[in-house]
């Protein structure tokens, strides 16, 4: 029988930058649905020290640094 795989901490984020990014994204989508239209983009790249730089572009850019 296979061992259960451990889920990386960012998959179950309850706090920190990942949680903030997900909350912001959820708010943007809900607001866009209320208005009836939206156009967003999400990008992620590796920054210094192996950290991830998550950018949500929705009129203005929202940046999150994730270790």
C-alpha atoms as a PDB file:
ATOM      1  CA  UNK A   1       0.000   0.000   0.000  1.00  0.00           C
ATOM      2  CA  UNK A   2       1.348   3.436  -0.937  1.00  0.00           C
ATOM      3  CA  UNK A   3       2.377   5.874   1.764  1.00  0.00           C
ATOM      4  CA  UNK A   4       0.287   9.051   1.898  1.00  0.00           C
ATOM      5  CA  UNK A   5       2.262  11.892   0.390  1.00  0.00           C
ATOM      6  CA  UNK A   6       2.885  14.951   2.512  1.00  0.00           C
ATOM      7  CA  UNK A   7       1.229  18.046   1.079  1.00  0.00           C
ATOM      8  CA  UNK A   8       3.534  21.072   0.800  1.00  0.00           C
ATOM      9  CA  UNK A   9       2.638  23.850   3.246  1.00  0.00           C
ATOM     10  CA  UNK A  10       1.554  26.262   0.489  1.00  0.00           C
ATOM     11  CA  UNK A  11      -1.251  23.878  -0.542  1.00  0.00           C
ATOM     12  CA  UNK A  12      -2.988  24.337   2.805  1.00  0.00           C
ATOM     13  CA  UNK A  13      -2.061  27.929   3.544  1.00  0.00           C
ATOM     14  CA  UNK A  14      -3.954  29.386   6.459  1.00  0.00           C
ATOM     15  CA  UNK A  15      -1.804  32.475   6.863  1.00  0.00           C
ATOM     16  CA  UNK A  16       1.045  34.365   5.239  1.00  0.00           C
ATOM     17  CA  UNK A  17       1.581  35.597   1.720  1.00  0.00           C
ATOM     18  CA  UNK A  18      -0.079  32.605   0.033  1.00  0.00           C
ATOM     19  CA  UNK A  19      -3.269  33.122   2.027  1.00  0.00           C
ATOM     20  CA  UNK A  20      -3.194  36.862   1.276  1.00  0.00           C
ATOM     21  CA  UNK A  21      -2.756  36.171  -2.441  1.00  0.00           C
ATOM     22  CA  UNK A  22      -5.634  33.674  -2.501  1.00  0.00           C
ATOM     23  CA  UNK A  23      -7.877  36.058  -0.560  1.00  0.00           C
ATOM     24  CA  UNK A  24      -7.026  38.907  -2.940  1.00  0.00           C
ATOM     25  CA  UNK A  25      -7.692  36.719  -5.969  1.00  0.00           C
ATOM     26  CA  UNK A  26     -11.022  35.573  -4.568  1.00  0.00           C
ATOM     27  CA  UNK A  27     -12.047  39.180  -3.894  1.00  0.00           C
ATOM     28  CA  UNK A  28     -11.073  40.256  -7.399  1.00  0.00           C
ATOM     29  CA  UNK A  29     -13.068  37.454  -9.020  1.00  0.00           C
ATOM     30  CA  UNK A  30     -16.149  38.156  -6.881  1.00  0.00           C
ATOM     31  CA  UNK A  31     -15.939  41.883  -7.680  1.00  0.00           C
ATOM     32  CA  UNK A  32     -15.507  41.125 -11.380  1.00  0.00           C
ATOM     33  CA  UNK A  33     -18.546  38.869 -11.363  1.00  0.00           C
ATOM     34  CA  UNK A  34     -20.604  41.609  -9.682  1.00  0.00           C
ATOM     35  CA  UNK A  35     -19.575  44.060 -12.408  1.00  0.00           C
ATOM     36  CA  UNK A  36     -20.141  41.509 -15.142  1.00  0.00           C
ATOM     37  CA  UNK A  37     -16.654  41.611 -16.680  1.00  0.00           C
ATOM     38  CA  UNK A  38     -13.010  41.359 -15.756  1.00  0.00           C
ATOM     39  CA  UNK A  39      -9.604  40.657 -17.209  1.00  0.00           C
ATOM     40  CA  UNK A  40      -6.870  39.471 -14.845  1.00  0.00           C
ATOM     41  CA  UNK A  41      -3.526  37.769 -15.281  1.00  0.00           C
ATOM     42  CA  UNK A  42      -1.454  35.792 -12.816  1.00  0.00           C
ATOM     43  CA  UNK A  43       2.271  35.165 -13.154  1.00  0.00           C
ATOM     44  CA  UNK A  44       4.868  33.540 -10.939  1.00  0.00           C
ATOM     45  CA  UNK A  45       8.638  33.545 -11.228  1.00  0.00           C
ATOM     46  CA  UNK A  46      11.577  32.456  -9.122  1.00  0.00           C
ATOM     47  CA  UNK A  47      13.258  35.418  -7.416  1.00  0.00           C
ATOM     48  CA  UNK A  48      16.429  35.697  -5.339  1.00  0.00           C
ATOM     49  CA  UNK A  49      16.967  32.967  -2.773  1.00  0.00           C
ATOM     50  CA  UNK A  50      14.526  30.570  -4.426  1.00  0.00           C
ATOM     51  CA  UNK A  51      11.487  32.590  -3.367  1.00  0.00           C
ATOM     52  CA  UNK A  52       8.487  32.844  -5.644  1.00  0.00           C
ATOM     53  CA  UNK A  53       7.247  36.232  -6.796  1.00  0.00           C
ATOM     54  CA  UNK A  54       3.506  35.949  -7.490  1.00  0.00           C
ATOM     55  CA  UNK A  55       1.977  38.860  -9.408  1.00  0.00           C
ATOM     56  CA  UNK A  56      -1.745  39.359  -9.950  1.00  0.00           C
ATOM     57  CA  UNK A  57      -2.451  42.030 -12.565  1.00  0.00           C
ATOM     58  CA  UNK A  58      -5.943  43.421 -12.204  1.00  0.00           C
ATOM     59  CA  UNK A  59      -5.894  47.081 -13.162  1.00  0.00           C
ATOM     60  CA  UNK A  60      -2.941  47.448 -10.837  1.00  0.00           C
ATOM     61  CA  UNK A  61      -0.379  44.848  -9.838  1.00  0.00           C
ATOM     62  CA  UNK A  62      -0.529  43.004  -6.532  1.00  0.00           C
ATOM     63  CA  UNK A  63       2.784  41.335  -5.658  1.00  0.00           C
ATOM     64  CA  UNK A  64       3.335  38.571  -3.139  1.00  0.00           C
ATOM     65  CA  UNK A  65       6.676  37.009  -2.162  1.00  0.00           C
ATOM     66  CA  UNK A  66       6.350  33.383  -1.178  1.00  0.00           C
ATOM     67  CA  UNK A  67       9.240  31.503   0.443  1.00  0.00           C
END
